PDB file of N, CA and C in Angstrom:
ATOM      1  N   MET A   1      -9.221  20.220 -43.956  1.00  0.00           N
ATOM      2  CA  MET A   1     -10.255  20.017 -43.170  1.00  0.00           C
ATOM      3  C   MET A   1      -9.916  20.706 -41.605  1.00  0.00           C
ATOM      4  N   GLU A   2     -10.848  21.469 -40.937  1.00  0.00           N
ATOM      5  CA  GLU A   2     -10.448  22.571 -39.817  1.00  0.00           C
ATOM      6  C   GLU A   2     -10.268  21.916 -38.693  1.00  0.00           C
ATOM      7  N   ASN A   3      -9.814  21.578 -37.775  1.00  0.00           N
ATOM      8  CA  ASN A   3     -10.163  21.213 -36.603  1.00  0.00           C
ATOM      9  C   ASN A   3     -10.456  21.946 -35.425  1.00  0.00           C
ATOM     10  N   THR A   4     -11.519  22.547 -35.379  1.00  0.00           N
ATOM     11  CA  THR A   4     -12.344  23.520 -34.108  1.00  0.00           C
ATOM     12  C   THR A   4     -12.536  22.987 -32.948  1.00  0.00           C
ATOM     13  N   ASN A   5     -12.394  21.949 -32.653  1.00  0.00           N
ATOM     14  CA  ASN A   5     -12.753  21.210 -31.564  1.00  0.00           C
ATOM     15  C   ASN A   5     -11.415  21.289 -30.121  1.00  0.00           C
ATOM     16  N   ARG A   6     -10.155  22.035 -30.819  1.00  0.00           N
ATOM     17  CA  ARG A   6      -9.211  21.919 -29.855  1.00  0.00           C
ATOM     18  C   ARG A   6      -9.495  22.954 -28.554  1.00  0.00           C
ATOM     19  N   GLY A   7      -8.524  22.599 -27.536  1.00  0.00           N
ATOM     20  CA  GLY A   7      -9.090  23.515 -26.501  1.00  0.00           C
ATOM     21  C   GLY A   7      -7.925  23.343 -25.567  1.00  0.00           C
ATOM     22  N   VAL A   8      -7.287  24.106 -25.013  1.00  0.00           N
ATOM     23  CA  VAL A   8      -6.059  24.020 -24.139  1.00  0.00           C
ATOM     24  C   VAL A   8      -6.733  23.350 -22.790  1.00  0.00           C
ATOM     25  N   PHE A   9      -8.018  23.901 -22.212  1.00  0.00           N
ATOM     26  CA  PHE A   9      -8.639  23.825 -20.826  1.00  0.00           C
ATOM     27  C   PHE A   9      -9.740  22.713 -21.083  1.00  0.00           C
ATOM     28  N   THR A  10      -9.693  21.798 -22.125  1.00  0.00           N
ATOM     29  CA  THR A  10     -10.721  20.554 -21.988  1.00  0.00           C
ATOM     30  C   THR A  10     -10.109  19.447 -21.238  1.00  0.00           C
ATOM     31  N   LEU A  11     -10.866  18.352 -21.219  1.00  0.00           N
ATOM     32  CA  LEU A  11     -10.510  17.237 -20.761  1.00  0.00           C
ATOM     33  C   LEU A  11      -9.283  16.502 -21.367  1.00  0.00           C
ATOM     34  N   SER A  12      -8.941  16.809 -22.709  1.00  0.00           N
ATOM     35  CA  SER A  12      -7.825  16.094 -23.198  1.00  0.00           C
ATOM     36  C   SER A  12      -6.692  17.032 -23.116  1.00  0.00           C
ATOM     37  N   GLY A  13      -6.553  18.580 -22.754  1.00  0.00           N
ATOM     38  CA  GLY A  13      -5.632  19.551 -22.267  1.00  0.00           C
ATOM     39  C   GLY A  13      -5.311  19.229 -20.954  1.00  0.00           C
ATOM     40  N   VAL A  14      -4.808  20.546 -20.564  1.00  0.00           N
ATOM     41  CA  VAL A  14      -4.411  20.703 -19.123  1.00  0.00           C
ATOM     42  C   VAL A  14      -5.123  20.570 -18.063  1.00  0.00           C
ATOM     43  N   THR A  15      -6.507  20.634 -18.113  1.00  0.00           N
ATOM     44  CA  THR A  15      -7.637  20.263 -17.461  1.00  0.00           C
ATOM     45  C   THR A  15      -7.479  18.735 -17.006  1.00  0.00           C
ATOM     46  N   GLY A  16      -7.619  17.997 -17.984  1.00  0.00           N
ATOM     47  CA  GLY A  16      -7.431  16.581 -17.906  1.00  0.00           C
ATOM     48  C   GLY A  16      -6.284  16.053 -17.193  1.00  0.00           C
ATOM     49  N   MET A  17      -4.966  16.624 -17.733  1.00  0.00           N
ATOM     50  CA  MET A  17      -3.715  16.209 -16.864  1.00  0.00           C
ATOM     51  C   MET A  17      -3.477  16.658 -15.502  1.00  0.00           C
ATOM     52  N   LEU A  18      -4.663  18.032 -14.954  1.00  0.00           N
ATOM     53  CA  LEU A  18      -4.638  18.093 -13.860  1.00  0.00           C
ATOM     54  C   LEU A  18      -5.455  17.289 -13.001  1.00  0.00           C
ATOM     55  N   ILE A  19      -6.602  16.798 -13.442  1.00  0.00           N
ATOM     56  CA  ILE A  19      -7.360  16.097 -13.084  1.00  0.00           C
ATOM     57  C   ILE A  19      -6.595  14.645 -12.681  1.00  0.00           C
ATOM     58  N   ALA A  20      -5.953  13.926 -13.799  1.00  0.00           N
ATOM     59  CA  ALA A  20      -5.383  12.647 -13.559  1.00  0.00           C
ATOM     60  C   ALA A  20      -4.339  12.800 -12.633  1.00  0.00           C
ATOM     61  N   THR A  21      -3.581  14.033 -12.334  1.00  0.00           N
ATOM     62  CA  THR A  21      -2.533  13.974 -11.094  1.00  0.00           C
ATOM     63  C   THR A  21      -3.027  13.920 -10.121  1.00  0.00           C
ATOM     64  N   VAL A  22      -4.054  14.807  -9.718  1.00  0.00           N
ATOM     65  CA  VAL A  22      -4.475  14.903  -8.585  1.00  0.00           C
ATOM     66  C   VAL A  22      -5.407  13.615  -8.274  1.00  0.00           C
ATOM     67  N   LEU A  23      -5.726  13.118  -8.943  1.00  0.00           N
ATOM     68  CA  LEU A  23      -6.463  11.698  -8.786  1.00  0.00           C
ATOM     69  C   LEU A  23      -5.111  10.519  -8.347  1.00  0.00           C
ATOM     70  N   LEU A  24      -4.329  10.493  -9.176  1.00  0.00           N
ATOM     71  CA  LEU A  24      -2.868   9.849  -8.713  1.00  0.00           C
ATOM     72  C   LEU A  24      -2.600  10.130  -7.522  1.00  0.00           C
ATOM     73  N   LEU A  25      -2.244  11.426  -7.122  1.00  0.00           N
ATOM     74  CA  LEU A  25      -1.690  11.646  -5.937  1.00  0.00           C
ATOM     75  C   LEU A  25      -2.531  11.330  -4.726  1.00  0.00           C
ATOM     76  N   SER A  26      -3.572  11.752  -4.956  1.00  0.00           N
ATOM     77  CA  SER A  26      -4.719  11.120  -3.846  1.00  0.00           C
ATOM     78  C   SER A  26      -4.967   9.691  -3.622  1.00  0.00           C
ATOM     79  N   ILE A  27      -4.685   8.823  -4.909  1.00  0.00           N
ATOM     80  CA  ILE A  27      -4.742   7.532  -4.357  1.00  0.00           C
ATOM     81  C   ILE A  27      -3.483   7.172  -3.895  1.00  0.00           C
ATOM     82  N   LEU A  28      -2.354   7.712  -4.043  1.00  0.00           N
ATOM     83  CA  LEU A  28      -0.864   7.449  -3.378  1.00  0.00           C
ATOM     84  C   LEU A  28      -1.238   8.067  -2.093  1.00  0.00           C
ATOM     85  N   VAL A  29      -1.543   9.093  -1.436  1.00  0.00           N
ATOM     86  CA  VAL A  29      -1.897   9.479  -0.222  1.00  0.00           C
ATOM     87  C   VAL A  29      -2.792   8.293   0.858  1.00  0.00           C
ATOM     88  N   VAL A  30      -3.561   7.989   0.213  1.00  0.00           N
ATOM     89  CA  VAL A  30      -4.510   7.094   0.512  1.00  0.00           C
ATOM     90  C   VAL A  30      -3.833   5.572   1.140  1.00  0.00           C
ATOM     91  N   LEU A  31      -3.163   5.447  -0.156  1.00  0.00           N
ATOM     92  CA  LEU A  31      -2.626   3.925   0.333  1.00  0.00           C
ATOM     93  C   LEU A  31      -1.004   4.079   1.109  1.00  0.00           C
ATOM     94  N   THR A  32      -0.443   5.067   1.113  1.00  0.00           N
ATOM     95  CA  THR A  32       0.560   5.351   2.071  1.00  0.00           C
ATOM     96  C   THR A  32       0.033   5.383   3.670  1.00  0.00           C
ATOM     97  N   ILE A  33      -1.120   6.388   3.584  1.00  0.00           N
ATOM     98  CA  ILE A  33      -1.685   6.134   5.350  1.00  0.00           C
ATOM     99  C   ILE A  33      -2.254   4.867   5.643  1.00  0.00           C
ATOM    100  N   PHE A  34      -2.724   3.958   4.709  1.00  0.00           N
ATOM    101  CA  PHE A  34      -3.245   2.538   5.171  1.00  0.00           C
ATOM    102  C   PHE A  34      -2.091   1.947   5.377  1.00  0.00           C
ATOM    103  N   GLY A  35      -0.815   1.744   4.432  1.00  0.00           N
ATOM    104  CA  GLY A  35       0.535   1.261   4.886  1.00  0.00           C
ATOM    105  C   GLY A  35       1.120   1.759   6.509  1.00  0.00           C
ATOM    106  N   ILE A  36       0.701   2.702   6.389  1.00  0.00           N
ATOM    107  CA  ILE A  36       1.613   3.339   7.743  1.00  0.00           C
ATOM    108  C   ILE A  36       0.509   2.865   8.808  1.00  0.00           C
ATOM    109  N   LYS A  37      -0.725   3.055   8.835  1.00  0.00           N
ATOM    110  CA  LYS A  37      -1.609   2.332   9.905  1.00  0.00           C
ATOM    111  C   LYS A  37      -1.193   0.823  10.084  1.00  0.00           C
ATOM    112  N   ALA A  38      -0.897   0.093   9.089  1.00  0.00           N
ATOM    113  CA  ALA A  38      -0.821  -1.402   9.341  1.00  0.00           C
ATOM    114  C   ALA A  38       0.447  -1.922   9.927  1.00  0.00           C
ATOM    115  N   GLN A  39       1.122  -1.354   9.504  1.00  0.00           N
ATOM    116  CA  GLN A  39       2.973  -1.013  10.135  1.00  0.00           C
ATOM    117  C   GLN A  39       2.768  -0.974  11.827  1.00  0.00           C
ATOM    118  N   GLN A  40       1.986   0.246  11.990  1.00  0.00           N
ATOM    119  CA  GLN A  40       2.041   0.593  13.424  1.00  0.00           C
ATOM    120  C   GLN A  40       1.351  -0.456  13.937  1.00  0.00           C
ATOM    121  N   GLU A  41       0.079  -1.020  13.453  1.00  0.00           N
ATOM    122  CA  GLU A  41      -0.598  -1.966  14.055  1.00  0.00           C
ATOM    123  C   GLU A  41       0.335  -3.161  14.436  1.00  0.00           C
ATOM    124  N   VAL A  42       1.113  -3.721  13.280  1.00  0.00           N
ATOM    125  CA  VAL A  42       1.759  -4.801  13.590  1.00  0.00           C
ATOM    126  C   VAL A  42       2.922  -4.586  14.647  1.00  0.00           C
ATOM    127  N   ALA A  43       3.311  -3.441  14.439  1.00  0.00           N
ATOM    128  CA  ALA A  43       4.786  -2.921  15.538  1.00  0.00           C
ATOM    129  C   ALA A  43       4.066  -3.016  16.953  1.00  0.00           C
ATOM    130  N   ASN A  44       2.319  -2.972  17.542  1.00  0.00           N
ATOM    131  CA  ASN A  44       2.426  -3.157  18.758  1.00  0.00           C
ATOM    132  C   ASN A  44       2.023  -4.451  19.031  1.00  0.00           C
ATOM    133  N   LYS A  45       2.090  -5.697  18.257  1.00  0.00           N
ATOM    134  CA  LYS A  45       2.159  -7.009  18.400  1.00  0.00           C
ATOM    135  C   LYS A  45       3.038  -7.835  18.275  1.00  0.00           C
ATOM    136  N   PRO A  46       4.199  -7.794  19.157  1.00  0.00           N
ATOM    137  CA  PRO A  46       5.418  -8.460  18.912  1.00  0.00           C
ATOM    138  C   PRO A  46       5.079  -9.980  19.060  1.00  0.00           C
ATOM    139  N   TYR A  47       6.122 -10.961  18.812  1.00  0.00           N
ATOM    140  CA  TYR A  47       5.701 -12.123  18.948  1.00  0.00           C
ATOM    141  C   TYR A  47       7.053 -13.029  19.431  1.00  0.00           C
ATOM    142  N   THR A  48       7.089 -13.915  19.997  1.00  0.00           N
ATOM    143  CA  THR A  48       8.014 -14.753  20.374  1.00  0.00           C
ATOM    144  C   THR A  48       8.182 -16.042  19.681  1.00  0.00           C
ATOM    145  N   ILE A  49       9.241 -16.524  19.465  1.00  0.00           N
ATOM    146  CA  ILE A  49       9.539 -18.199  19.094  1.00  0.00           C
ATOM    147  C   ILE A  49       9.283 -18.994  20.439  1.00  0.00           C
ATOM    148  N   THR A  50       8.588 -20.142  20.629  1.00  0.00           N
ATOM    149  CA  THR A  50       8.407 -20.710  21.711  1.00  0.00           C
ATOM    150  C   THR A  50       9.562 -21.772  21.663  1.00  0.00           C
ATOM    151  N   ASN A  51      10.222 -22.468  20.662  1.00  0.00           N
ATOM    152  CA  ASN A  51      11.086 -23.305  20.549  1.00  0.00           C
ATOM    153  C   ASN A  51      12.168 -23.102  19.395  1.00  0.00           C
ATOM    154  N   PRO A  52      12.958 -22.120  19.631  1.00  0.00           N
ATOM    155  CA  PRO A  52      13.702 -21.427  18.150  1.00  0.00           C
ATOM    156  C   PRO A  52      14.647 -22.825  17.873  1.00  0.00           C
ATOM    157  N   HIS A  53      14.780 -23.916  18.282  1.00  0.00           N
ATOM    158  CA  HIS A  53      15.744 -24.998  17.836  1.00  0.00           C
ATOM    159  C   HIS A  53      14.697 -26.005  17.084  1.00  0.00           C
ATOM    160  N   ALA A  54      13.654 -25.677  17.281  1.00  0.00           N
ATOM    161  CA  ALA A  54      12.586 -26.743  16.416  1.00  0.00           C
ATOM    162  C   ALA A  54      12.080 -26.288  15.033  1.00  0.00           C
ATOM    163  N   LEU A  55      12.883 -24.592  14.897  1.00  0.00           N
ATOM    164  CA  LEU A  55      12.148 -24.351  13.301  1.00  0.00           C
ATOM    165  C   LEU A  55      13.354 -25.292  12.456  1.00  0.00           C
ATOM    166  N   LYS A  56      12.437 -25.322  11.325  1.00  0.00           N
ATOM    167  CA  LYS A  56      12.884 -26.032   9.992  1.00  0.00           C
ATOM    168  C   LYS A  56      12.666 -24.868   9.013  1.00  0.00           C
ATOM    169  N   MET A  57      13.411 -25.308   8.036  1.00  0.00           N
ATOM    170  CA  MET A  57      13.731 -24.700   6.794  1.00  0.00           C
ATOM    171  C   MET A  57      12.389 -24.581   5.648  1.00  0.00           C
ATOM    172  N   ARG A  58      11.852 -23.649   5.448  1.00  0.00           N
ATOM    173  CA  ARG A  58      10.807 -23.776   4.819  1.00  0.00           C
ATOM    174  C   ARG A  58       9.739 -25.223   4.766  1.00  0.00           C
ATOM    175  N   ASP A  59       9.270 -25.052   6.288  1.00  0.00           N
ATOM    176  CA  ASP A  59       8.327 -25.765   6.535  1.00  0.00           C
ATOM    177  C   ASP A  59       7.004 -25.151   7.037  1.00  0.00           C
ATOM    178  N   ARG A  60       6.133 -25.567   6.960  1.00  0.00           N
ATOM    179  CA  ARG A  60       4.894 -24.715   7.201  1.00  0.00           C
ATOM    180  C   ARG A  60       4.306 -24.786   8.796  1.00  0.00           C
ATOM    181  N   ASP A  61       4.750 -25.942   9.534  1.00  0.00           N
ATOM    182  CA  ASP A  61       4.907 -25.745  10.369  1.00  0.00           C
ATOM    183  C   ASP A  61       5.483 -24.624  11.536  1.00  0.00           C
ATOM    184  N   ASN A  62       6.017 -23.730  10.985  1.00  0.00           N
ATOM    185  CA  ASN A  62       7.329 -22.992  11.817  1.00  0.00           C
ATOM    186  C   ASN A  62       6.083 -22.299  12.463  1.00  0.00           C
ATOM    187  N   SER A  63       4.792 -21.925  11.747  1.00  0.00           N
ATOM    188  CA  SER A  63       4.000 -20.650  12.195  1.00  0.00           C
ATOM    189  C   SER A  63       3.390 -21.266  13.597  1.00  0.00           C
ATOM    190  N   LYS A  64       3.388 -22.535  13.909  1.00  0.00           N
ATOM    191  CA  LYS A  64       2.911 -22.874  15.094  1.00  0.00           C
ATOM    192  C   LYS A  64       3.556 -22.659  16.135  1.00  0.00           C
ATOM    193  N   LEU A  65       4.835 -22.579  15.920  1.00  0.00           N
ATOM    194  CA  LEU A  65       5.862 -22.121  16.760  1.00  0.00           C
ATOM    195  C   LEU A  65       5.584 -20.635  17.458  1.00  0.00           C
ATOM    196  N   ARG A  66       5.001 -20.027  16.847  1.00  0.00           N
ATOM    197  CA  ARG A  66       5.102 -18.318  17.106  1.00  0.00           C
ATOM    198  C   ARG A  66       3.558 -18.507  18.108  1.00  0.00           C
ATOM    199  N   VAL A  67       4.130 -17.356  18.963  1.00  0.00           N
ATOM    200  CA  VAL A  67       3.153 -16.905  19.894  1.00  0.00           C
ATOM    201  C   VAL A  67       3.361 -15.352  20.014  1.00  0.00           C
ATOM    202  N   ILE A  68       2.408 -14.877  20.085  1.00  0.00           N
ATOM    203  CA  ILE A  68       1.621 -13.155  20.098  1.00  0.00           C
ATOM    204  C   ILE A  68       2.156 -12.754  21.357  1.00  0.00           C
ATOM    205  N   VAL A  69       2.997 -11.731  21.784  1.00  0.00           N
ATOM    206  CA  VAL A  69       2.818 -11.409  23.452  1.00  0.00           C
ATOM    207  C   VAL A  69       1.947 -10.294  23.280  1.00  0.00           C
ATOM    208  N   LYS A  70       1.374 -10.593  24.633  1.00  0.00           N
ATOM    209  CA  LYS A  70       0.029  -9.564  24.939  1.00  0.00           C
ATOM    210  C   LYS A  70       0.739  -8.558  26.298  1.00  0.00           C
TER     211      LYS A  70
END
């Protein structure tokens, strides 16, 4: 049986590989941009601890001691 449906530039060939590569690189670029923007946003909002001596290890109430500096 002869395979006549072969092709280098079909979706299962080089073209499909290039589409997949461009898609993955564009997803990488978008996620990197979102990550950088999130880091810049957090860097502009520093916080201080109101009472550092009241901190306890593994305590959920530690978040109440944090105050965002404006």
